[in-house]
Amino acid sequence: MTNKSYGIIGIVTPIVFLATYIIMSSIRPEYSMFTKAISELGSLDASNKWFWNSFGYILTGILISIYAIGLYKNITSTKSSKLPLYGILLSGVFMTVSGIFPSDFDNRQSTTMLLHSVGSFGSYIFFLIGAFTYPKQMRKSEYWKQAIKPTLIFTWLTILFGSWAFIFPNIPALGQRIVFFFYFLWIFYTGIKLFNHRKESPVTNTV
């Protein structure tokens, strides 16, 4: 696959997630973005739960993992640390896990809820690992240097808004949406950069 192909995947992935979220939340009039967790769209008692889990989490996670490979190939050199690759790739894998095991908010100690939580938290933790280790690799490229500041801002904002529920307990779920927004903005932004990047041809001496 080419850089443009991987870049398209990075651009399309957030759109797939957003479109699925809009469709699923709009057909449930009682669902509130301020008080209901995103995972409740695919909880055990939710109608059409497998539509959300299949497209919102499983497909999105698979696309992120595929995208992670292309992004790493473009940014890093052959002997670079693989932490950035593993971070974003496993973030996608764990998001897929959270879709395979639906949430169960009526029984938070159930096996499916515990595995769903492992997938959710694992996805975010590995994202942080990837996002915080990429700048070191980006500094080696004149093109990718420009992406360091924006991507770090997006990453730190996910952490900042992660504390939203403790500050605004009456509308805890809104903070989760903002965290997801900056998570996918990181992917969308780097996807655009990857799509537009043309690696320089090696310089050759001519006689």
C-alpha atoms as a PDB file:
ATOM      1  CA  MET A   1       0.000   0.000   0.000  1.00  0.00           C
ATOM      2  CA  THR A   2       1.138   3.550  -0.719  1.00  0.00           C
ATOM      3  CA  ASN A   3       1.378   6.523   1.634  1.00  0.00           C
ATOM      4  CA  LYS A   4      -1.794   7.898   0.078  1.00  0.00           C
ATOM      5  CA  SER A   5      -3.642   4.639   0.737  1.00  0.00           C
ATOM      6  CA  TYR A   6      -2.628   4.628   4.390  1.00  0.00           C
ATOM      7  CA  GLY A   7      -3.373   8.339   4.588  1.00  0.00           C
ATOM      8  CA  ILE A   8      -6.890   7.767   3.299  1.00  0.00           C
ATOM      9  CA  ILE A   9      -7.415   5.135   5.992  1.00  0.00           C
ATOM     10  CA  GLY A  10      -6.287   7.639   8.635  1.00  0.00           C
ATOM     11  CA  ILE A  11      -8.666  10.267   7.271  1.00  0.00           C
ATOM     12  CA  VAL A  12     -11.624   7.909   6.852  1.00  0.00           C
ATOM     13  CA  THR A  13     -11.339   6.207  10.261  1.00  0.00           C
ATOM     14  CA  PRO A  14     -12.641   9.154  12.356  1.00  0.00           C
ATOM     15  CA  ILE A  15     -15.393   9.697   9.793  1.00  0.00           C
ATOM     16  CA  VAL A  16     -16.523   6.066  10.146  1.00  0.00           C
ATOM     17  CA  PHE A  17     -16.621   6.419  13.925  1.00  0.00           C
ATOM     18  CA  LEU A  18     -18.459   9.753  13.831  1.00  0.00           C
ATOM     19  CA  ALA A  19     -21.003   8.606  11.258  1.00  0.00           C
ATOM     20  CA  THR A  20     -21.760   5.477  13.284  1.00  0.00           C
ATOM     21  CA  TYR A  21     -22.100   7.525  16.453  1.00  0.00           C
ATOM     22  CA  ILE A  22     -24.477  10.034  14.832  1.00  0.00           C
ATOM     23  CA  ILE A  23     -26.659   7.279  13.363  1.00  0.00           C
ATOM     24  CA  MET A  24     -26.852   5.216  16.547  1.00  0.00           C
ATOM     25  CA  SER A  25     -27.391   8.114  18.934  1.00  0.00           C
ATOM     26  CA  SER A  26     -30.035   9.716  16.711  1.00  0.00           C
ATOM     27  CA  ILE A  27     -32.277   6.620  16.744  1.00  0.00           C
ATOM     28  CA  ARG A  28     -32.307   6.606  20.545  1.00  0.00           C
ATOM     29  CA  PRO A  29     -34.149   9.734  21.732  1.00  0.00           C
ATOM     30  CA  GLU A  30     -33.433   8.922  25.392  1.00  0.00           C
ATOM     31  CA  TYR A  31     -29.687   8.817  24.775  1.00  0.00           C
ATOM     32  CA  SER A  32     -27.873  11.902  26.070  1.00  0.00           C
ATOM     33  CA  MET A  33     -24.344  12.906  25.108  1.00  0.00           C
ATOM     34  CA  PHE A  34     -24.051  14.671  28.467  1.00  0.00           C
ATOM     35  CA  THR A  35     -24.841  11.740  30.764  1.00  0.00           C
ATOM     36  CA  LYS A  36     -24.526   8.534  28.724  1.00  0.00           C
ATOM     37  CA  ALA A  37     -21.185   6.893  27.979  1.00  0.00           C
ATOM     38  CA  ILE A  38     -20.389   6.174  24.350  1.00  0.00           C
ATOM     39  CA  SER A  39     -20.144   2.467  25.177  1.00  0.00           C
ATOM     40  CA  GLU A  40     -23.814   2.463  26.182  1.00  0.00           C
ATOM     41  CA  LEU A  41     -24.653   2.538  22.471  1.00  0.00           C
ATOM     42  CA  GLY A  42     -23.368  -1.034  22.351  1.00  0.00           C
ATOM     43  CA  SER A  43     -24.237  -2.267  25.852  1.00  0.00           C
ATOM     44  CA  LEU A  44     -25.885  -5.654  26.342  1.00  0.00           C
ATOM     45  CA  ASP A  45     -29.343  -4.143  26.725  1.00  0.00           C
ATOM     46  CA  ALA A  46     -29.026  -1.685  23.825  1.00  0.00           C
ATOM     47  CA  SER A  47     -31.031  -2.113  20.652  1.00  0.00           C
ATOM     48  CA  ASN A  48     -28.846  -2.691  17.590  1.00  0.00           C
ATOM     49  CA  LYS A  49     -25.848  -3.106  19.883  1.00  0.00           C
ATOM     50  CA  TRP A  50     -23.897  -5.113  17.336  1.00  0.00           C
ATOM     51  CA  PHE A  51     -24.223  -2.390  14.723  1.00  0.00           C
ATOM     52  CA  TRP A  52     -22.432   0.006  17.045  1.00  0.00           C
ATOM     53  CA  ASN A  53     -19.889  -2.530  18.262  1.00  0.00           C
ATOM     54  CA  SER A  54     -19.149  -3.743  14.726  1.00  0.00           C
ATOM     55  CA  PHE A  55     -18.687  -0.339  13.102  1.00  0.00           C
ATOM     56  CA  GLY A  56     -18.025   1.999  16.052  1.00  0.00           C
ATOM     57  CA  TYR A  57     -15.398  -0.111  17.775  1.00  0.00           C
ATOM     58  CA  ILE A  58     -14.387  -3.233  15.839  1.00  0.00           C
ATOM     59  CA  LEU A  59     -14.068  -1.786  12.331  1.00  0.00           C
ATOM     60  CA  THR A  60     -12.649   1.476  13.656  1.00  0.00           C
ATOM     61  CA  GLY A  61     -10.076  -0.425  15.711  1.00  0.00           C
ATOM     62  CA  ILE A  62      -9.010  -2.540  12.743  1.00  0.00           C
ATOM     63  CA  LEU A  63      -8.596   0.574  10.576  1.00  0.00           C
ATOM     64  CA  ILE A  64      -6.480   2.253  13.266  1.00  0.00           C
ATOM     65  CA  SER A  65      -4.198  -0.788  13.463  1.00  0.00           C
ATOM     66  CA  ILE A  66      -3.735  -0.849   9.685  1.00  0.00           C
ATOM     67  CA  TYR A  67      -3.124   2.891   9.624  1.00  0.00           C
ATOM     68  CA  ALA A  68      -0.513   2.557  12.382  1.00  0.00           C
ATOM     69  CA  ILE A  69       1.656   0.421  10.100  1.00  0.00           C
ATOM     70  CA  GLY A  70       1.646   2.936   7.252  1.00  0.00           C
ATOM     71  CA  LEU A  71       2.272   5.896   9.532  1.00  0.00           C
ATOM     72  CA  TYR A  72       5.250   4.188  11.142  1.00  0.00           C
ATOM     73  CA  LYS A  73       6.759   3.198   7.800  1.00  0.00           C
ATOM     74  CA  ASN A  74       6.583   6.784   6.586  1.00  0.00           C
ATOM     75  CA  ILE A  75       7.899   8.586   9.655  1.00  0.00           C
ATOM     76  CA  THR A  76      10.608   6.319  11.012  1.00  0.00           C
ATOM     77  CA  SER A  77      13.858   4.925   9.747  1.00  0.00           C
ATOM     78  CA  THR A  78      14.660   1.212   9.634  1.00  0.00           C
ATOM     79  CA  LYS A  79      16.394   1.046  13.031  1.00  0.00           C
ATOM     80  CA  SER A  80      14.026   3.311  14.933  1.00  0.00           C
ATOM     81  CA  SER A  81      12.191   2.399  18.118  1.00  0.00           C
ATOM     82  CA  LYS A  82       9.021   0.437  17.493  1.00  0.00           C
ATOM     83  CA  LEU A  83       7.179   1.944  20.475  1.00  0.00           C
ATOM     84  CA  PRO A  84       5.285   4.426  18.263  1.00  0.00           C
ATOM     85  CA  LEU A  85       4.161   1.562  16.032  1.00  0.00           C
ATOM     86  CA  TYR A  86       3.124  -0.710  18.893  1.00  0.00           C
ATOM     87  CA  GLY A  87       1.381   2.142  20.680  1.00  0.00           C
ATOM     88  CA  ILE A  88      -1.004   3.163  17.896  1.00  0.00           C
ATOM     89  CA  LEU A  89      -1.387  -0.369  16.541  1.00  0.00           C
ATOM     90  CA  LEU A  90      -2.345  -1.814  19.940  1.00  0.00           C
ATOM     91  CA  SER A  91      -4.621   1.145  20.572  1.00  0.00           C
ATOM     92  CA  GLY A  92      -6.614  -0.096  17.592  1.00  0.00           C
ATOM     93  CA  VAL A  93      -6.438  -3.720  18.718  1.00  0.00           C
ATOM     94  CA  PHE A  94      -7.763  -2.901  22.176  1.00  0.00           C
ATOM     95  CA  MET A  95     -10.529  -0.757  20.696  1.00  0.00           C
ATOM     96  CA  THR A  96     -11.568  -3.822  18.722  1.00  0.00           C
ATOM     97  CA  VAL A  97     -11.598  -5.829  21.959  1.00  0.00           C
ATOM     98  CA  SER A  98     -13.970  -3.299  23.530  1.00  0.00           C
ATOM     99  CA  GLY A  99     -16.346  -3.945  20.625  1.00  0.00           C
ATOM    100  CA  ILE A 100     -16.126  -7.720  20.829  1.00  0.00           C
ATOM    101  CA  PHE A 101     -17.112  -7.602  24.494  1.00  0.00           C
ATOM    102  CA  PRO A 102     -20.166  -5.322  24.970  1.00  0.00           C
ATOM    103  CA  SER A 103     -20.415  -3.195  28.087  1.00  0.00           C
ATOM    104  CA  ASP A 104     -22.796  -4.184  30.870  1.00  0.00           C
ATOM    105  CA  PHE A 105     -23.543  -1.193  33.074  1.00  0.00           C
ATOM    106  CA  ASP A 106     -26.109  -3.162  35.077  1.00  0.00           C
ATOM    107  CA  ASN A 107     -23.424  -5.599  36.216  1.00  0.00           C
ATOM    108  CA  ARG A 108     -20.058  -3.896  36.229  1.00  0.00           C
ATOM    109  CA  GLN A 109     -18.359  -7.010  37.641  1.00  0.00           C
ATOM    110  CA  SER A 110     -19.456  -9.222  34.749  1.00  0.00           C
ATOM    111  CA  THR A 111     -16.807 -10.781  32.531  1.00  0.00           C
ATOM    112  CA  THR A 112     -17.956  -8.921  29.433  1.00  0.00           C
ATOM    113  CA  MET A 113     -17.866  -5.586  31.261  1.00  0.00           C
ATOM    114  CA  LEU A 114     -14.402  -6.244  32.654  1.00  0.00           C
ATOM    115  CA  LEU A 115     -13.057  -7.223  29.238  1.00  0.00           C
ATOM    116  CA  HIS A 116     -14.770  -4.228  27.663  1.00  0.00           C
ATOM    117  CA  SER A 117     -13.089  -1.982  30.235  1.00  0.00           C
ATOM    118  CA  VAL A 118      -9.706  -3.590  29.531  1.00  0.00           C
ATOM    119  CA  GLY A 119     -10.235  -2.837  25.847  1.00  0.00           C
ATOM    120  CA  SER A 120     -11.279   0.764  26.476  1.00  0.00           C
ATOM    121  CA  PHE A 121      -8.512   1.662  28.921  1.00  0.00           C
ATOM    122  CA  GLY A 122      -5.930  -0.352  26.993  1.00  0.00           C
ATOM    123  CA  SER A 123      -6.766   1.506  23.798  1.00  0.00           C
ATOM    124  CA  TYR A 124      -6.209   4.864  25.442  1.00  0.00           C
ATOM    125  CA  ILE A 125      -3.045   3.867  27.315  1.00  0.00           C
ATOM    126  CA  PHE A 126      -1.405   2.507  24.174  1.00  0.00           C
ATOM    127  CA  PHE A 127      -2.466   5.626  22.286  1.00  0.00           C
ATOM    128  CA  LEU A 128      -0.586   7.723  24.852  1.00  0.00           C
ATOM    129  CA  ILE A 129       2.485   5.514  24.443  1.00  0.00           C
ATOM    130  CA  GLY A 130       2.408   5.959  20.669  1.00  0.00           C
ATOM    131  CA  ALA A 131       1.560   9.653  20.719  1.00  0.00           C
ATOM    132  CA  PHE A 132       4.284  10.550  23.209  1.00  0.00           C
ATOM    133  CA  THR A 133       7.009   8.503  21.477  1.00  0.00           C
ATOM    134  CA  TYR A 134       6.345   9.717  17.932  1.00  0.00           C
ATOM    135  CA  PRO A 135       7.819  13.235  18.394  1.00  0.00           C
ATOM    136  CA  LYS A 136      11.317  11.765  18.797  1.00  0.00           C
ATOM    137  CA  GLN A 137      10.939  10.124  15.389  1.00  0.00           C
ATOM    138  CA  MET A 138       9.254  13.147  13.831  1.00  0.00           C
ATOM    139  CA  ARG A 139      12.265  15.326  14.698  1.00  0.00           C
ATOM    140  CA  LYS A 140      14.328  13.310  12.225  1.00  0.00           C
ATOM    141  CA  SER A 141      12.182  14.512   9.322  1.00  0.00           C
ATOM    142  CA  GLU A 142      11.866  18.101   8.145  1.00  0.00           C
ATOM    143  CA  TYR A 143       8.350  17.343   6.952  1.00  0.00           C
ATOM    144  CA  TRP A 144       7.113  15.656  10.140  1.00  0.00           C
ATOM    145  CA  LYS A 145       8.725  18.194  12.472  1.00  0.00           C
ATOM    146  CA  GLN A 146       5.758  20.450  11.755  1.00  0.00           C
ATOM    147  CA  ALA A 147       3.424  17.833  13.223  1.00  0.00           C
ATOM    148  CA  ILE A 148       5.095  17.600  16.635  1.00  0.00           C
ATOM    149  CA  LYS A 149       3.400  20.578  18.275  1.00  0.00           C
ATOM    150  CA  PRO A 150      -0.159  19.896  17.022  1.00  0.00           C
ATOM    151  CA  THR A 151      -0.043  16.186  17.863  1.00  0.00           C
ATOM    152  CA  LEU A 152       1.328  16.843  21.356  1.00  0.00           C
ATOM    153  CA  ILE A 153      -1.392  19.450  21.951  1.00  0.00           C
ATOM    154  CA  PHE A 154      -4.072  16.958  20.913  1.00  0.00           C
ATOM    155  CA  THR A 155      -2.544  14.324  23.194  1.00  0.00           C
ATOM    156  CA  TRP A 156      -2.301  16.559  26.246  1.00  0.00           C
ATOM    157  CA  LEU A 157      -5.872  17.728  25.704  1.00  0.00           C
ATOM    158  CA  THR A 158      -7.088  14.124  25.916  1.00  0.00           C
ATOM    159  CA  ILE A 159      -5.444  13.937  29.334  1.00  0.00           C
ATOM    160  CA  LEU A 160      -6.790  17.306  30.432  1.00  0.00           C
ATOM    161  CA  PHE A 161     -10.381  16.496  29.515  1.00  0.00           C
ATOM    162  CA  GLY A 162     -10.035  13.029  30.997  1.00  0.00           C
ATOM    163  CA  SER A 163     -10.654  14.644  34.384  1.00  0.00           C
ATOM    164  CA  TRP A 164     -13.906  16.248  33.182  1.00  0.00           C
ATOM    165  CA  ALA A 165     -16.161  13.808  35.075  1.00  0.00           C
ATOM    166  CA  PHE A 166     -14.580  14.763  38.402  1.00  0.00           C
ATOM    167  CA  ILE A 167     -14.995  18.488  37.763  1.00  0.00           C
ATOM    168  CA  PHE A 168     -18.459  18.329  36.185  1.00  0.00           C
ATOM    169  CA  PRO A 169     -20.159  15.270  37.719  1.00  0.00           C
ATOM    170  CA  ASN A 170     -23.587  16.352  36.442  1.00  0.00           C
ATOM    171  CA  ILE A 171     -22.506  16.063  32.805  1.00  0.00           C
ATOM    172  CA  PRO A 172     -19.685  13.484  32.988  1.00  0.00           C
ATOM    173  CA  ALA A 173     -20.102  12.016  29.509  1.00  0.00           C
ATOM    174  CA  LEU A 174     -19.374  15.256  27.660  1.00  0.00           C
ATOM    175  CA  GLY A 175     -15.743  15.033  28.711  1.00  0.00           C
ATOM    176  CA  GLN A 176     -15.517  11.568  27.184  1.00  0.00           C
ATOM    177  CA  ARG A 177     -16.709  12.965  23.856  1.00  0.00           C
ATOM    178  CA  ILE A 178     -14.027  15.638  23.972  1.00  0.00           C
ATOM    179  CA  VAL A 179     -11.351  13.041  24.727  1.00  0.00           C
ATOM    180  CA  PHE A 180     -12.516  10.960  21.763  1.00  0.00           C
ATOM    181  CA  PHE A 181     -12.544  14.110  19.618  1.00  0.00           C
ATOM    182  CA  PHE A 182      -8.861  14.860  20.235  1.00  0.00           C
ATOM    183  CA  TYR A 183      -7.928  11.177  19.976  1.00  0.00           C
ATOM    184  CA  PHE A 184      -9.448  10.989  16.499  1.00  0.00           C
ATOM    185  CA  LEU A 185      -8.173  14.452  15.604  1.00  0.00           C
ATOM    186  CA  TRP A 186      -4.651  13.094  16.165  1.00  0.00           C
ATOM    187  CA  ILE A 187      -5.384  10.295  13.705  1.00  0.00           C
ATOM    188  CA  PHE A 188      -7.151  12.579  11.221  1.00  0.00           C
ATOM    189  CA  TYR A 189      -4.384  15.185  11.278  1.00  0.00           C
ATOM    190  CA  THR A 190      -1.546  12.684  10.841  1.00  0.00           C
ATOM    191  CA  GLY A 191      -3.618  10.975   8.136  1.00  0.00           C
ATOM    192  CA  ILE A 192      -3.764  14.207   6.157  1.00  0.00           C
ATOM    193  CA  LYS A 193      -0.034  14.715   6.645  1.00  0.00           C
ATOM    194  CA  LEU A 194       0.654  11.168   5.502  1.00  0.00           C
ATOM    195  CA  PHE A 195      -1.599  11.525   2.456  1.00  0.00           C
ATOM    196  CA  ASN A 196       0.190  14.707   1.364  1.00  0.00           C
ATOM    197  CA  HIS A 197       3.721  13.490   2.042  1.00  0.00           C
ATOM    198  CA  ARG A 198       6.021  12.705  -0.816  1.00  0.00           C
ATOM    199  CA  LYS A 199       9.266  11.257   0.416  1.00  0.00           C
ATOM    200  CA  GLU A 200      12.260  12.951  -1.135  1.00  0.00           C
ATOM    201  CA  SER A 201      14.209  10.950  -3.675  1.00  0.00           C
ATOM    202  CA  PRO A 202      17.798  10.187  -2.669  1.00  0.00           C
ATOM    203  CA  VAL A 203      20.356  12.597  -4.062  1.00  0.00           C
ATOM    204  CA  THR A 204      22.662  11.052  -6.610  1.00  0.00           C
ATOM    205  CA  ASN A 205      25.863  12.447  -7.995  1.00  0.00           C
ATOM    206  CA  THR A 206      26.066  12.768 -11.750  1.00  0.00           C
ATOM    207  CA  VAL A 207      29.258  13.180 -13.758  1.00  0.00           C
END
